PDB file of N, CA and C in Angstrom:
ATOM      1  N   MET A   1     194.071 158.134 276.148  1.00  0.00           N
ATOM      2  CA  MET A   1     195.115 158.810 275.422  1.00  0.00           C
ATOM      3  C   MET A   1     194.856 160.317 275.386  1.00  0.00           C
ATOM      4  N   SER A   2     193.629 160.723 275.115  1.00  0.00           N
ATOM      5  CA  SER A   2     193.352 162.159 275.031  1.00  0.00           C
ATOM      6  C   SER A   2     193.532 162.838 276.386  1.00  0.00           C
ATOM      7  N   GLU A   3     193.289 162.087 277.476  1.00  0.00           N
ATOM      8  CA  GLU A   3     193.481 162.674 278.797  1.00  0.00           C
ATOM      9  C   GLU A   3     194.960 162.963 279.059  1.00  0.00           C
ATOM     10  N   ARG A   4     195.823 162.048 278.623  1.00  0.00           N
ATOM     11  CA  ARG A   4     197.265 162.246 278.825  1.00  0.00           C
ATOM     12  C   ARG A   4     197.767 163.418 277.982  1.00  0.00           C
ATOM     13  N   PHE A   5     197.315 163.493 276.727  1.00  0.00           N
ATOM     14  CA  PHE A   5     197.701 164.621 275.889  1.00  0.00           C
ATOM     15  C   PHE A   5     197.212 165.926 276.513  1.00  0.00           C
ATOM     16  N   ALA A   6     195.978 165.921 277.010  1.00  0.00           N
ATOM     17  CA  ALA A   6     195.395 167.113 277.633  1.00  0.00           C
ATOM     18  C   ALA A   6     196.251 167.574 278.815  1.00  0.00           C
ATOM     19  N   ARG A   7     196.666 166.639 279.637  1.00  0.00           N
ATOM     20  CA  ARG A   7     197.497 166.981 280.797  1.00  0.00           C
ATOM     21  C   ARG A   7     198.839 167.555 280.362  1.00  0.00           C
ATOM     22  N   ASN A   8     199.469 166.921 279.360  1.00  0.00           N
ATOM     23  CA  ASN A   8     200.758 167.414 278.866  1.00  0.00           C
ATOM     24  C   ASN A   8     200.622 168.836 278.318  1.00  0.00           C
ATOM     25  N   LEU A   9     199.611 169.061 277.498  1.00  0.00           N
ATOM     26  CA  LEU A   9     199.404 170.374 276.898  1.00  0.00           C
ATOM     27  C   LEU A   9     199.158 171.440 277.962  1.00  0.00           C
ATOM     28  N   THR A  10     198.301 171.140 278.897  1.00  0.00           N
ATOM     29  CA  THR A  10     197.982 172.099 279.961  1.00  0.00           C
ATOM     30  C   THR A  10     199.212 172.438 280.794  1.00  0.00           C
ATOM     31  N   GLU A  11     199.965 171.424 281.183  1.00  0.00           N
ATOM     32  CA  GLU A  11     201.165 171.653 281.996  1.00  0.00           C
ATOM     33  C   GLU A  11     202.205 172.480 281.249  1.00  0.00           C
ATOM     34  N   LEU A  12     202.420 172.170 279.978  1.00  0.00           N
ATOM     35  CA  LEU A  12     203.406 172.917 279.196  1.00  0.00           C
ATOM     36  C   LEU A  12     202.958 174.361 278.980  1.00  0.00           C
ATOM     37  N   ARG A  13     201.678 174.553 278.699  1.00  0.00           N
ATOM     38  CA  ARG A  13     201.163 175.916 278.499  1.00  0.00           C
ATOM     39  C   ARG A  13     201.333 176.733 279.773  1.00  0.00           C
ATOM     40  N   ARG A  14     200.954 176.160 280.904  1.00  0.00           N
ATOM     41  CA  ARG A  14     201.063 176.884 282.172  1.00  0.00           C
ATOM     42  C   ARG A  14     202.516 177.156 282.544  1.00  0.00           C
ATOM     43  N   SER A  15     203.420 176.214 282.218  1.00  0.00           N
ATOM     44  CA  SER A  15     204.835 176.421 282.540  1.00  0.00           C
ATOM     45  C   SER A  15     205.425 177.597 281.772  1.00  0.00           C
ATOM     46  N   LYS A  16     204.850 177.904 280.618  1.00  0.00           N
ATOM     47  CA  LYS A  16     205.281 179.060 279.825  1.00  0.00           C
ATOM     48  C   LYS A  16     204.567 180.337 280.249  1.00  0.00           C
ATOM     49  N   GLY A  17     203.554 180.202 281.099  1.00  0.00           N
ATOM     50  CA  GLY A  17     202.810 181.371 281.548  1.00  0.00           C
ATOM     51  C   GLY A  17     201.815 181.888 280.516  1.00  0.00           C
ATOM     52  N   PHE A  18     201.416 181.023 279.577  1.00  0.00           N
ATOM     53  CA  PHE A  18     200.485 181.421 278.525  1.00  0.00           C
ATOM     54  C   PHE A  18     199.048 181.134 278.933  1.00  0.00           C
ATOM     55  N   SER A  19     198.144 182.020 278.550  1.00  0.00           N
ATOM     56  CA  SER A  19     196.724 181.719 278.633  1.00  0.00           C
ATOM     57  C   SER A  19     196.383 180.849 277.417  1.00  0.00           C
ATOM     58  N   GLN A  20     195.193 180.260 277.417  1.00  0.00           N
ATOM     59  CA  GLN A  20     194.769 179.512 276.242  1.00  0.00           C
ATOM     60  C   GLN A  20     194.730 180.427 275.021  1.00  0.00           C
ATOM     61  N   GLU A  21     194.285 181.643 275.222  1.00  0.00           N
ATOM     62  CA  GLU A  21     194.204 182.597 274.118  1.00  0.00           C
ATOM     63  C   GLU A  21     195.586 182.929 273.565  1.00  0.00           C
ATOM     64  N   GLU A  22     196.560 183.127 274.443  1.00  0.00           N
ATOM     65  CA  GLU A  22     197.936 183.432 274.011  1.00  0.00           C
ATOM     66  C   GLU A  22     198.520 182.258 273.225  1.00  0.00           C
ATOM     67  N   LEU A  23     198.330 181.042 273.730  1.00  0.00           N
ATOM     68  CA  LEU A  23     198.840 179.871 273.017  1.00  0.00           C
ATOM     69  C   LEU A  23     198.181 179.746 271.650  1.00  0.00           C
ATOM     70  N   ALA A  24     196.884 179.935 271.598  1.00  0.00           N
ATOM     71  CA  ALA A  24     196.165 179.852 270.326  1.00  0.00           C
ATOM     72  C   ALA A  24     196.703 180.870 269.334  1.00  0.00           C
ATOM     73  N   PHE A  25     196.924 182.091 269.784  1.00  0.00           N
ATOM     74  CA  PHE A  25     197.473 183.136 268.917  1.00  0.00           C
ATOM     75  C   PHE A  25     198.848 182.739 268.400  1.00  0.00           C
ATOM     76  N   ARG A  26     199.721 182.288 269.297  1.00  0.00           N
ATOM     77  CA  ARG A  26     201.081 181.917 268.908  1.00  0.00           C
ATOM     78  C   ARG A  26     201.108 180.724 267.949  1.00  0.00           C
ATOM     79  N   ALA A  27     200.134 179.810 268.105  1.00  0.00           N
ATOM     80  CA  ALA A  27     200.084 178.610 267.264  1.00  0.00           C
ATOM     81  C   ALA A  27     199.219 178.796 266.020  1.00  0.00           C
ATOM     82  N   SER A  28     198.618 179.967 265.874  1.00  0.00           N
ATOM     83  CA  SER A  28     197.736 180.256 264.735  1.00  0.00           C
ATOM     84  C   SER A  28     196.572 179.271 264.640  1.00  0.00           C
ATOM     85  N   ILE A  29     195.967 178.999 265.801  1.00  0.00           N
ATOM     86  CA  ILE A  29     194.771 178.165 265.852  1.00  0.00           C
ATOM     87  C   ILE A  29     193.726 178.898 266.683  1.00  0.00           C
ATOM     88  N   HIS A  30     192.510 178.399 266.701  1.00  0.00           N
ATOM     89  CA  HIS A  30     191.440 179.045 267.466  1.00  0.00           C
ATOM     90  C   HIS A  30     191.525 178.629 268.929  1.00  0.00           C
ATOM     91  N   ARG A  31     191.215 179.559 269.833  1.00  0.00           N
ATOM     92  CA  ARG A  31     191.265 179.270 271.261  1.00  0.00           C
ATOM     93  C   ARG A  31     190.368 178.092 271.637  1.00  0.00           C
ATOM     94  N   THR A  32     189.253 177.938 270.931  1.00  0.00           N
ATOM     95  CA  THR A  32     188.356 176.817 271.209  1.00  0.00           C
ATOM     96  C   THR A  32     189.064 175.485 271.008  1.00  0.00           C
ATOM     97  N   GLN A  33     189.946 175.410 270.010  1.00  0.00           N
ATOM     98  CA  GLN A  33     190.707 174.180 269.790  1.00  0.00           C
ATOM     99  C   GLN A  33     191.581 173.860 270.999  1.00  0.00           C
ATOM    100  N   VAL A  34     192.234 174.875 271.537  1.00  0.00           N
ATOM    101  CA  VAL A  34     193.078 174.664 272.712  1.00  0.00           C
ATOM    102  C   VAL A  34     192.225 174.148 273.862  1.00  0.00           C
ATOM    103  N   SER A  35     191.088 174.766 274.084  1.00  0.00           N
ATOM    104  CA  SER A  35     190.193 174.352 275.161  1.00  0.00           C
ATOM    105  C   SER A  35     189.735 172.904 274.980  1.00  0.00           C
ATOM    106  N   LEU A  36     189.327 172.544 273.776  1.00  0.00           N
ATOM    107  CA  LEU A  36     188.868 171.178 273.522  1.00  0.00           C
ATOM    108  C   LEU A  36     189.983 170.155 273.746  1.00  0.00           C
ATOM    109  N   MET A  37     191.202 170.495 273.350  1.00  0.00           N
ATOM    110  CA  MET A  37     192.323 169.579 273.558  1.00  0.00           C
ATOM    111  C   MET A  37     192.670 169.469 275.037  1.00  0.00           C
ATOM    112  N   GLU A  38     192.655 170.590 275.752  1.00  0.00           N
ATOM    113  CA  GLU A  38     192.986 170.565 277.172  1.00  0.00           C
ATOM    114  C   GLU A  38     191.915 169.863 278.010  1.00  0.00           C
ATOM    115  N   ASN A  39     190.717 169.798 277.498  1.00  0.00           N
ATOM    116  CA  ASN A  39     189.642 169.093 278.200  1.00  0.00           C
ATOM    117  C   ASN A  39     189.511 167.640 277.762  1.00  0.00           C
ATOM    118  N   GLY A  40     190.415 167.181 276.909  1.00  0.00           N
ATOM    119  CA  GLY A  40     190.423 165.790 276.477  1.00  0.00           C
ATOM    120  C   GLY A  40     189.322 165.434 275.502  1.00  0.00           C
ATOM    121  N   VAL A  41     188.688 166.441 274.909  1.00  0.00           N
ATOM    122  CA  VAL A  41     187.601 166.201 273.955  1.00  0.00           C
ATOM    123  C   VAL A  41     188.153 165.896 272.570  1.00  0.00           C
ATOM    124  N   ARG A  42     189.269 166.525 272.215  1.00  0.00           N
ATOM    125  CA  ARG A  42     189.871 166.349 270.891  1.00  0.00           C
ATOM    126  C   ARG A  42     191.367 166.106 271.003  1.00  0.00           C
ATOM    127  N   LEU A  43     191.872 165.400 270.008  1.00  0.00           N
ATOM    128  CA  LEU A  43     193.308 165.265 269.810  1.00  0.00           C
ATOM    129  C   LEU A  43     193.677 166.094 268.584  1.00  0.00           C
ATOM    130  N   PRO A  44     194.896 166.624 268.546  1.00  0.00           N
ATOM    131  CA  PRO A  44     195.271 167.471 267.408  1.00  0.00           C
ATOM    132  C   PRO A  44     195.612 166.656 266.168  1.00  0.00           C
ATOM    133  N   ARG A  45     195.406 167.269 265.007  1.00  0.00           N
ATOM    134  CA  ARG A  45     195.954 166.720 263.775  1.00  0.00           C
ATOM    135  C   ARG A  45     197.459 166.955 263.836  1.00  0.00           C
ATOM    136  N   PHE A  46     198.187 166.285 262.948  1.00  0.00           N
ATOM    137  CA  PHE A  46     199.639 166.404 262.941  1.00  0.00           C
ATOM    138  C   PHE A  46     200.081 167.856 262.791  1.00  0.00           C
ATOM    139  N   GLU A  47     199.464 168.579 261.862  1.00  0.00           N
ATOM    140  CA  GLU A  47     199.825 169.980 261.626  1.00  0.00           C
ATOM    141  C   GLU A  47     199.633 170.814 262.902  1.00  0.00           C
ATOM    142  N   THR A  48     198.552 170.575 263.606  1.00  0.00           N
ATOM    143  CA  THR A  48     198.275 171.316 264.839  1.00  0.00           C
ATOM    144  C   THR A  48     199.277 170.944 265.927  1.00  0.00           C
ATOM    145  N   LEU A  49     199.665 169.678 265.994  1.00  0.00           N
ATOM    146  CA  LEU A  49     200.677 169.248 266.959  1.00  0.00           C
ATOM    147  C   LEU A  49     201.982 170.003 266.731  1.00  0.00           C
ATOM    148  N   ILE A  50     202.365 170.148 265.476  1.00  0.00           N
ATOM    149  CA  ILE A  50     203.603 170.865 265.138  1.00  0.00           C
ATOM    150  C   ILE A  50     203.471 172.346 265.506  1.00  0.00           C
ATOM    151  N   LYS A  51     202.327 172.952 265.212  1.00  0.00           N
ATOM    152  CA  LYS A  51     202.099 174.352 265.573  1.00  0.00           C
ATOM    153  C   LYS A  51     202.171 174.554 267.081  1.00  0.00           C
ATOM    154  N   LEU A  52     201.544 173.661 267.833  1.00  0.00           N
ATOM    155  CA  LEU A  52     201.564 173.775 269.300  1.00  0.00           C
ATOM    156  C   LEU A  52     202.976 173.627 269.847  1.00  0.00           C
ATOM    157  N   SER A  53     203.712 172.642 269.343  1.00  0.00           N
ATOM    158  CA  SER A  53     205.074 172.443 269.845  1.00  0.00           C
ATOM    159  C   SER A  53     205.952 173.645 269.513  1.00  0.00           C
ATOM    160  N   GLY A  54     205.773 174.231 268.338  1.00  0.00           N
ATOM    161  CA  GLY A  54     206.526 175.436 267.977  1.00  0.00           C
ATOM    162  C   GLY A  54     206.177 176.607 268.872  1.00  0.00           C
ATOM    163  N   ALA A  55     204.890 176.802 269.125  1.00  0.00           N
ATOM    164  CA  ALA A  55     204.445 177.913 269.971  1.00  0.00           C
ATOM    165  C   ALA A  55     204.938 177.758 271.405  1.00  0.00           C
ATOM    166  N   LEU A  56     205.025 176.515 271.860  1.00  0.00           N
ATOM    167  CA  LEU A  56     205.485 176.249 273.232  1.00  0.00           C
ATOM    168  C   LEU A  56     207.000 176.092 273.318  1.00  0.00           C
ATOM    169  N   GLU A  57     207.655 176.069 272.157  1.00  0.00           N
ATOM    170  CA  GLU A  57     209.107 175.891 272.079  1.00  0.00           C
ATOM    171  C   GLU A  57     209.554 174.592 272.728  1.00  0.00           C
ATOM    172  N   VAL A  58     208.824 173.519 272.410  1.00  0.00           N
ATOM    173  CA  VAL A  58     209.161 172.169 272.880  1.00  0.00           C
ATOM    174  C   VAL A  58     209.088 171.237 271.679  1.00  0.00           C
ATOM    175  N   SER A  59     209.597 170.038 271.835  1.00  0.00           N
ATOM    176  CA  SER A  59     209.482 169.056 270.755  1.00  0.00           C
ATOM    177  C   SER A  59     208.073 168.460 270.778  1.00  0.00           C
ATOM    178  N   PRO A  60     207.613 167.952 269.652  1.00  0.00           N
ATOM    179  CA  PRO A  60     206.319 167.262 269.657  1.00  0.00           C
ATOM    180  C   PRO A  60     206.294 166.114 270.668  1.00  0.00           C
ATOM    181  N   ALA A  61     207.453 165.511 270.911  1.00  0.00           N
ATOM    182  CA  ALA A  61     207.533 164.410 271.878  1.00  0.00           C
ATOM    183  C   ALA A  61     207.126 164.857 273.283  1.00  0.00           C
ATOM    184  N   ALA A  62     207.378 166.109 273.615  1.00  0.00           N
ATOM    185  CA  ALA A  62     206.989 166.604 274.943  1.00  0.00           C
ATOM    186  C   ALA A  62     205.470 166.607 275.098  1.00  0.00           C
ATOM    187  N   LEU A  63     204.762 166.873 274.011  1.00  0.00           N
ATOM    188  CA  LEU A  63     203.299 166.877 274.064  1.00  0.00           C
ATOM    189  C   LEU A  63     202.718 165.466 274.078  1.00  0.00           C
ATOM    190  N   THR A  64     203.456 164.503 273.547  1.00  0.00           N
ATOM    191  CA  THR A  64     202.956 163.127 273.494  1.00  0.00           C
ATOM    192  C   THR A  64     203.626 162.221 274.528  1.00  0.00           C
ATOM    193  N   GLU A  65     204.366 162.806 275.442  1.00  0.00           N
ATOM    194  CA  GLU A  65     205.049 162.015 276.461  1.00  0.00           C
ATOM    195  C   GLU A  65     204.056 161.145 277.223  1.00  0.00           C
ATOM    196  N   GLY A  66     204.424 159.880 277.391  1.00  0.00           N
ATOM    197  CA  GLY A  66     203.572 158.948 278.124  1.00  0.00           C
ATOM    198  C   GLY A  66     202.529 158.253 277.276  1.00  0.00           C
ATOM    199  N   ILE A  67     202.492 158.560 275.983  1.00  0.00           N
ATOM    200  CA  ILE A  67     201.550 157.906 275.071  1.00  0.00           C
ATOM    201  C   ILE A  67     202.367 157.035 274.136  1.00  0.00           C
ATOM    202  N   GLU A  68     202.172 155.735 274.212  1.00  0.00           N
ATOM    203  CA  GLU A  68     202.947 154.806 273.398  1.00  0.00           C
ATOM    204  C   GLU A  68     202.031 153.838 272.681  1.00  0.00           C
ATOM    205  N   TRP A  69     202.431 153.439 271.494  1.00  0.00           N
ATOM    206  CA  TRP A  69     201.711 152.415 270.751  1.00  0.00           C
ATOM    207  C   TRP A  69     202.385 151.088 270.970  1.00  0.00           C
ATOM    208  N   GLU A  70     201.591 150.067 271.242  1.00  0.00           N
ATOM    209  CA  GLU A  70     202.134 148.722 271.386  1.00  0.00           C
ATOM    210  C   GLU A  70     201.439 147.802 270.401  1.00  0.00           C
ATOM    211  N   PRO A  71     202.210 147.098 269.595  1.00  0.00           N
ATOM    212  CA  PRO A  71     201.574 146.168 268.665  1.00  0.00           C
ATOM    213  C   PRO A  71     200.927 145.022 269.438  1.00  0.00           C
ATOM    214  N   VAL A  72     199.790 144.600 268.964  1.00  0.00           N
ATOM    215  CA  VAL A  72     199.104 143.452 269.552  1.00  0.00           C
ATOM    216  C   VAL A  72     198.793 142.468 268.439  1.00  0.00           C
ATOM    217  N   ALA A  73     198.361 141.299 268.789  1.00  0.00           N
ATOM    218  CA  ALA A  73     198.149 140.240 267.809  1.00  0.00           C
ATOM    219  C   ALA A  73     196.816 140.375 267.080  1.00  0.00           C
ATOM    220  N   THR A  74     196.282 141.588 267.013  1.00  0.00           N
ATOM    221  CA  THR A  74     195.046 141.802 266.272  1.00  0.00           C
ATOM    222  C   THR A  74     195.309 142.761 265.125  1.00  0.00           C
ATOM    223  N   VAL A  75     194.366 142.895 264.263  1.00  0.00           N
ATOM    224  CA  VAL A  75     194.494 143.800 263.124  1.00  0.00           C
ATOM    225  C   VAL A  75     194.449 145.252 263.572  1.00  0.00           C
ATOM    226  N   THR A  76     193.747 145.563 264.650  1.00  0.00           N
ATOM    227  CA  THR A  76     193.536 146.944 265.056  1.00  0.00           C
ATOM    228  C   THR A  76     194.706 147.571 265.787  1.00  0.00           C
ATOM    229  N   GLY A  77     195.604 146.794 266.364  1.00  0.00           N
ATOM    230  CA  GLY A  77     196.707 147.379 267.125  1.00  0.00           C
ATOM    231  C   GLY A  77     196.212 147.927 268.442  1.00  0.00           C
ATOM    232  N   GLY A  78     197.072 148.632 269.157  1.00  0.00           N
ATOM    233  CA  GLY A  78     196.644 149.158 270.439  1.00  0.00           C
ATOM    234  C   GLY A  78     197.512 150.289 270.912  1.00  0.00           C
ATOM    235  N   LEU A  79     196.987 151.065 271.828  1.00  0.00           N
ATOM    236  CA  LEU A  79     197.699 152.183 272.430  1.00  0.00           C
ATOM    237  C   LEU A  79     197.877 151.929 273.901  1.00  0.00           C
ATOM    238  N   LYS A  80     198.987 152.362 274.424  1.00  0.00           N
ATOM    239  CA  LYS A  80     199.254 152.245 275.850  1.00  0.00           C
ATOM    240  C   LYS A  80     199.546 153.642 276.369  1.00  0.00           C
ATOM    241  N   VAL A  81     198.911 153.994 277.464  1.00  0.00           N
ATOM    242  CA  VAL A  81     199.140 155.286 278.079  1.00  0.00           C
ATOM    243  C   VAL A  81     199.704 155.029 279.465  1.00  0.00           C
ATOM    244  N   SER A  82     200.881 155.568 279.727  1.00  0.00           N
ATOM    245  CA  SER A  82     201.483 155.357 281.037  1.00  0.00           C
ATOM    246  C   SER A  82     200.786 156.226 282.082  1.00  0.00           C
ATOM    247  N   ASP A  83     200.881 155.809 283.325  1.00  0.00           N
ATOM    248  CA  ASP A  83     200.215 156.528 284.425  1.00  0.00           C
ATOM    249  C   ASP A  83     201.128 157.525 285.106  1.00  0.00           C
ATOM    250  N   GLU A  84     202.250 157.846 284.505  1.00  0.00           N
ATOM    251  CA  GLU A  84     203.204 158.791 285.136  1.00  0.00           C
ATOM    252  C   GLU A  84     202.610 160.135 285.339  1.00  0.00           C
TER     253      GLU A  84
END
């Protein structure tokens, strides 16, 4: 899941022509956070997701595209990440 989010974030940032530093400034977060998310080390908290989507002028759904939750017959549930 973090790899898919990382790919979405990186592609959207590059499509806007932003450096990691520029995106961090626009989203009011630290550049290290952007780097960690783009490298698949961290996923954003909800507040950070909203800040990133605002800075990139996209919906939060654009950042989470291809990441879906599927209920399973266990207590823990499950996540499905598409290979698109």
